[in-house]
Protein backbone atom coordinates (compact mmCIF):
# COMPACT_ATOMS: atom_id res chain seq x y z
CA UNK A 1 16.13 13.05 -29.42
CA UNK A 2 16.23 12.08 -25.73
CA UNK A 3 18.76 9.44 -26.57
CA UNK A 4 21.26 12.05 -27.42
CA UNK A 5 21.13 13.78 -24.08
CA UNK A 6 22.92 12.74 -20.94
CA UNK A 7 21.19 10.54 -18.45
CA UNK A 8 20.61 13.39 -15.94
CA UNK A 9 19.24 15.73 -18.54
CA UNK A 10 16.94 13.06 -19.97
CA UNK A 11 15.45 12.47 -16.51
CA UNK A 12 14.80 16.27 -15.98
CA UNK A 13 13.33 16.61 -19.46
CA UNK A 14 10.99 13.61 -18.84
CA UNK A 15 9.89 15.19 -15.43
CA UNK A 16 9.16 18.53 -17.12
CA UNK A 17 7.07 16.93 -19.81
CA UNK A 18 5.21 14.93 -17.22
CA UNK A 19 4.49 18.21 -15.23
CA UNK A 20 3.24 19.79 -18.49
CA UNK A 21 1.03 16.83 -19.05
CA UNK A 22 -0.43 17.16 -15.55
CA UNK A 23 -1.13 20.82 -16.04
CA UNK A 24 -2.91 19.97 -19.36
CA UNK A 25 -5.11 17.42 -17.59
CA UNK A 26 -6.09 19.88 -14.93
CA UNK A 27 -7.53 22.15 -17.58
CA UNK A 28 -9.67 19.53 -19.45
CA UNK A 29 -13.25 20.53 -19.91
CA UNK A 30 -14.36 17.47 -17.87
CA UNK A 31 -11.86 17.90 -15.09
CA UNK A 32 -13.46 18.54 -11.67
CA UNK A 33 -12.91 22.27 -11.01
CA UNK A 34 -12.06 23.55 -7.66
CA UNK A 35 -14.12 26.71 -8.28
CA UNK A 36 -17.67 26.85 -7.14
CA UNK A 37 -20.25 26.47 -9.89
CA UNK A 38 -21.75 29.80 -9.00
CA UNK A 39 -18.42 31.53 -9.96
CA UNK A 40 -18.66 30.01 -13.43
CA UNK A 41 -22.27 31.39 -13.94
CA UNK A 42 -21.13 34.99 -12.89
CA UNK A 43 -18.44 35.04 -15.60
CA UNK A 44 -19.53 37.47 -18.43
CA UNK A 45 -19.88 36.50 -22.00
CA UNK A 46 -17.64 35.66 -23.80
CA UNK A 47 -15.27 34.35 -21.00
CA UNK A 48 -17.41 31.29 -20.20
CA UNK A 49 -17.66 30.35 -23.86
CA UNK A 50 -13.97 30.94 -24.48
CA UNK A 51 -12.95 28.87 -21.43
CA UNK A 52 -15.36 26.12 -22.54
CA UNK A 53 -13.73 26.14 -26.05
CA UNK A 54 -10.29 25.97 -24.64
CA UNK A 55 -11.16 23.21 -22.23
CA UNK A 56 -12.46 21.07 -25.09
CA UNK A 57 -9.37 21.83 -27.12
CA UNK A 58 -7.17 20.86 -24.18
CA UNK A 59 -9.15 17.71 -23.77
CA UNK A 60 -8.63 16.81 -27.49
CA UNK A 61 -4.92 17.42 -27.17
CA UNK A 62 -4.73 15.19 -24.04
CA UNK A 63 -6.75 12.36 -25.83
CA UNK A 64 -4.34 12.49 -28.74
CA UNK A 65 -1.38 12.29 -26.38
CA UNK A 66 -2.88 9.35 -24.58
CA UNK A 67 -3.51 7.47 -27.76
CA UNK A 68 0.12 8.10 -28.89
CA UNK A 69 1.25 6.96 -25.49
CA UNK A 70 -0.71 3.69 -25.96
CA UNK A 71 0.84 3.10 -29.35
CA UNK A 72 4.38 3.89 -28.40
CA UNK A 73 6.71 0.90 -27.61
CA UNK A 74 7.37 0.35 -24.05
CA UNK A 75 10.97 -0.02 -22.66
CA UNK A 76 11.26 -3.18 -20.57
CA UNK A 77 13.86 -5.25 -18.71
CA UNK A 78 14.32 -8.79 -19.97
CA UNK A 79 11.76 -8.39 -22.74
CA UNK A 80 8.79 -7.99 -20.48
CA UNK A 81 7.29 -4.96 -18.65
CA UNK A 82 8.37 -4.62 -15.05
CA UNK A 83 5.31 -5.56 -12.98
CA UNK A 84 6.90 -5.20 -9.63
CA UNK A 85 10.14 -4.22 -7.84
CA UNK A 86 13.39 -6.17 -8.24
CA UNK A 87 15.38 -7.36 -5.24
CA UNK A 88 17.34 -4.33 -3.80
CA UNK A 89 20.69 -5.98 -4.64
CA UNK A 90 19.63 -5.70 -8.31
CA UNK A 91 19.54 -2.04 -8.01
CA UNK A 92 22.62 -1.56 -5.90
CA UNK A 93 25.50 -3.39 -7.57
CA UNK A 94 28.32 -5.20 -5.84
CA UNK A 95 31.69 -3.55 -5.34
CA UNK A 96 33.37 -2.92 -8.68
CA UNK A 97 30.27 -3.30 -10.90
CA UNK A 98 28.89 -0.35 -12.92
CA UNK A 99 26.11 1.37 -10.88
CA UNK A 100 24.42 2.97 -13.90
CA UNK A 101 22.10 -0.02 -14.86
CA UNK A 102 21.04 -0.43 -11.27
CA UNK A 103 20.27 3.29 -10.84
CA UNK A 104 18.34 3.42 -14.19
CA UNK A 105 16.19 0.29 -13.19
CA UNK A 106 15.68 1.64 -9.68
CA UNK A 107 14.21 5.01 -10.74
CA UNK A 108 12.13 3.45 -13.61
CA UNK A 109 10.72 0.72 -11.37
CA UNK A 110 9.94 2.89 -8.45
CA UNK A 111 8.41 5.47 -10.74
CA UNK A 112 6.11 2.68 -12.02
CA UNK A 113 5.34 1.51 -8.43
CA UNK A 114 4.52 5.01 -7.46
CA UNK A 115 2.15 5.36 -10.42
CA UNK A 116 0.64 2.00 -9.61
CA UNK A 117 -0.18 2.71 -6.02
CA UNK A 118 -1.63 6.11 -6.79
CA UNK A 119 -3.84 4.40 -9.43
CA UNK A 120 -4.93 1.73 -6.88
CA UNK A 121 -5.84 4.48 -4.51
CA UNK A 122 -7.74 6.41 -7.32
CA UNK A 123 -5.61 9.42 -6.98
CA UNK A 124 -4.98 11.51 -10.08
CA UNK A 125 -3.76 14.90 -8.87
CA UNK A 126 -0.35 13.79 -7.57
CA UNK A 127 2.88 14.35 -9.52
CA UNK A 128 5.82 11.90 -9.58
CA UNK A 129 9.31 13.03 -10.25
CA UNK A 130 11.70 10.38 -11.70
CA UNK A 131 14.71 12.69 -10.85
CA UNK A 132 13.89 12.44 -7.14
CA UNK A 133 14.11 8.60 -7.35
CA UNK A 134 17.56 9.06 -8.91
CA UNK A 135 18.60 11.19 -5.89
CA UNK A 136 17.31 8.62 -3.51
CA UNK A 137 19.42 5.91 -5.16
CA UNK A 138 22.54 8.04 -4.97
CA UNK A 139 22.01 8.83 -1.32
CA UNK A 140 21.47 5.17 -0.41
CA UNK A 141 24.45 4.04 -2.32
CA UNK A 142 26.63 6.35 -0.40
CA UNK A 143 25.14 6.09 3.07
CA UNK A 144 24.33 2.36 3.11
CA UNK A 145 27.28 0.96 1.24
CA UNK A 146 28.20 -1.47 4.12
CA UNK A 147 24.57 -2.80 4.34
CA UNK A 148 24.50 -3.20 0.58
CA UNK A 149 27.73 -5.15 0.65
CA UNK A 150 26.21 -7.47 3.33
CA UNK A 151 23.02 -7.84 1.19
CA UNK A 152 25.17 -9.43 -1.65
CA UNK A 153 26.68 -11.97 0.84
CA UNK A 154 24.14 -12.54 3.58
CA UNK A 155 22.42 -16.07 3.44
CA UNK A 156 21.10 -16.58 6.92
CA UNK A 157 17.35 -16.10 6.94
CA UNK A 158 16.95 -14.21 10.21
CA UNK A 159 19.92 -12.01 9.61
CA UNK A 160 18.72 -11.40 6.05
CA UNK A 161 15.19 -10.22 7.34
CA UNK A 162 16.93 -7.78 9.70
CA UNK A 163 19.25 -6.50 7.04
CA UNK A 164 16.32 -6.05 4.44
CA UNK A 165 14.29 -4.30 7.11
CA UNK A 166 17.06 -1.89 7.85
CA UNK A 167 17.57 -1.19 4.19
CA UNK A 168 13.85 -0.76 3.56
CA UNK A 169 13.61 1.65 6.45
CA UNK A 170 16.51 3.66 5.12
CA UNK A 171 14.98 3.67 1.63
CA UNK A 172 11.60 4.90 3.09
CA UNK A 173 13.27 7.70 5.09
CA UNK A 174 15.20 8.81 2.02
CA UNK A 175 12.03 8.76 -0.24
CA UNK A 176 10.22 10.92 2.38
CA UNK A 177 13.13 13.34 2.38
CA UNK A 178 13.30 13.60 -1.37
CA UNK A 179 9.44 13.68 -1.87
CA UNK A 180 9.11 12.08 -5.23
CA UNK A 181 5.34 12.16 -4.99
CA UNK A 182 3.86 15.66 -4.65
CA UNK A 183 0.64 17.36 -4.83
CA UNK A 184 0.53 19.86 -7.70
CA UNK A 185 0.96 23.45 -6.45
CA UNK A 186 -2.35 24.89 -7.56
CA UNK A 187 -4.29 22.31 -5.41
CA UNK A 188 -2.15 22.80 -2.27
CA UNK A 189 -3.81 26.12 -1.30
CA UNK A 190 -5.15 25.30 2.16
CA UNK A 191 -3.11 24.00 5.09
CA UNK A 192 -5.49 21.08 5.61
CA UNK A 193 -5.14 20.05 2.04
CA UNK A 194 -1.27 20.21 2.21
CA UNK A 195 -1.35 18.00 5.39
CA UNK A 196 -3.67 15.46 3.97
CA UNK A 197 -1.69 15.26 0.74
CA UNK A 198 1.57 14.86 2.61
CA UNK A 199 0.04 12.01 4.70
CA UNK A 200 -1.18 10.24 1.59
CA UNK A 201 2.20 10.68 -0.13
CA UNK A 202 4.15 9.27 2.89
CA UNK A 203 1.87 6.25 3.15
CA UNK A 204 2.45 5.57 -0.65
CA UNK A 205 6.16 5.81 -0.22
CA UNK A 206 6.03 3.45 2.75
CA UNK A 207 4.15 0.88 0.67
CA UNK A 208 6.80 1.12 -2.07
CA UNK A 209 9.60 0.59 0.45
CA UNK A 210 7.73 -2.45 2.14
CA UNK A 211 7.15 -3.86 -1.54
CA UNK A 212 10.95 -3.54 -2.31
CA UNK A 213 11.67 -5.31 0.88
CA UNK A 214 9.28 -8.17 0.13
CA UNK A 215 10.74 -8.42 -3.35
CA UNK A 216 14.20 -8.80 -1.86
CA UNK A 217 13.18 -11.62 0.44
CA UNK A 218 11.36 -13.38 -2.22
CA UNK A 219 14.19 -14.22 -4.58
CA UNK A 220 11.82 -15.67 -7.27
CA UNK A 221 10.12 -12.24 -7.62
CA UNK A 222 6.45 -11.22 -7.12
CA UNK A 223 3.69 -9.74 -9.13
CA UNK A 224 3.49 -5.95 -8.96
CA UNK A 225 -0.26 -5.07 -8.43
CA UNK A 226 -0.82 -7.85 -5.78
CA UNK A 227 2.46 -7.00 -4.06
CA UNK A 228 1.57 -3.25 -3.95
CA UNK A 229 -2.00 -4.00 -2.61
CA UNK A 230 -0.55 -6.13 0.21
CA UNK A 231 2.02 -3.48 1.08
CA UNK A 232 -0.62 -0.70 0.99
CA UNK A 233 -2.88 -2.69 3.44
CA UNK A 234 0.03 -3.29 5.75
CA UNK A 235 1.00 0.36 5.78
CA UNK A 236 -2.62 1.34 6.37
CA UNK A 237 -2.70 -0.94 9.39
CA UNK A 238 0.45 0.58 10.94
CA UNK A 239 0.25 4.13 9.54
CA UNK A 240 0.12 5.69 13.02
CA UNK A 241 3.36 4.00 14.22
CA UNK A 242 5.01 4.75 10.87
CA UNK A 243 4.39 8.43 11.09
CA UNK A 244 5.33 8.42 14.79
CA UNK A 245 8.68 6.89 13.97
CA UNK A 246 9.19 9.65 11.34
CA UNK A 247 8.86 12.17 14.03
CA UNK A 248 11.77 10.64 16.04
CA UNK A 249 15.35 11.90 15.59
CA UNK A 250 16.64 8.26 14.90
CA UNK A 251 14.06 7.53 12.17
CA UNK A 252 15.80 4.44 10.54
CA UNK A 253 16.36 2.72 13.86
CA UNK A 254 12.77 3.36 14.90
CA UNK A 255 11.35 2.00 11.67
CA UNK A 256 13.60 -1.06 11.30
CA UNK A 257 11.92 -3.34 13.88
CA UNK A 258 8.50 -2.22 12.57
CA UNK A 259 9.48 -3.01 9.04
CA UNK A 260 10.99 -6.30 10.14
CA UNK A 261 7.79 -7.40 11.75
CA UNK A 262 5.74 -6.48 8.65
CA UNK A 263 8.18 -8.21 6.31
CA UNK A 264 8.12 -11.34 8.48
CA UNK A 265 4.35 -11.57 8.56
CA UNK A 266 3.80 -10.68 4.88
CA UNK A 267 6.55 -12.84 3.30
């Protein structure tokens, strides 16, 4: 059914289905509730029993969905699952080439990277929007066309590091602007929770941008989980400087030398 829809509609439908799945999981009977236990005890009969029954029913539905998900065939590139990001030039085609395949690979790979980094941080309550990654790709393709053209031609090592750092910084800034990683609305009820959630999301996005930069410098590719762990550690060590640069009017120029330093030391 999804194959018959346009690419944009397919992405939106997939995001809505993922949102629905996230809501379902928040209502499992074994999901940690945000309500105090005392409130649950004060609920009159039969509300507690009905909620318990519905919670178990939701859990059973979610378990069936998980089983179906594990049995479904996985789409892949080149016959194998994508474990890590591809070089940026693979996502942004050279002049005259069709951009659709690159855009599709970009949003799928970055969605998987976002999911991976959240799993590595043991975070379950964030939602990821694939449509936001598509918007990031479109914005970079227009704004950074000149840098992308150089990326396809640049061979000098030092120049390439500076170029990749600039593109990675631009990617990070656009990721922060589009916010593909979000806290679910029901959880973001307190200002402190919103601030903490935003900080975590920004750090995850920075790690994704650094991982993409490393994959671009390493032409033979790199393993996804290990690459993301390295990128997460690097971001955690420079988190204060990264967030300070985001508060500057010229974010990309402030972040580029910082990203260049990280890429040089990590590559």
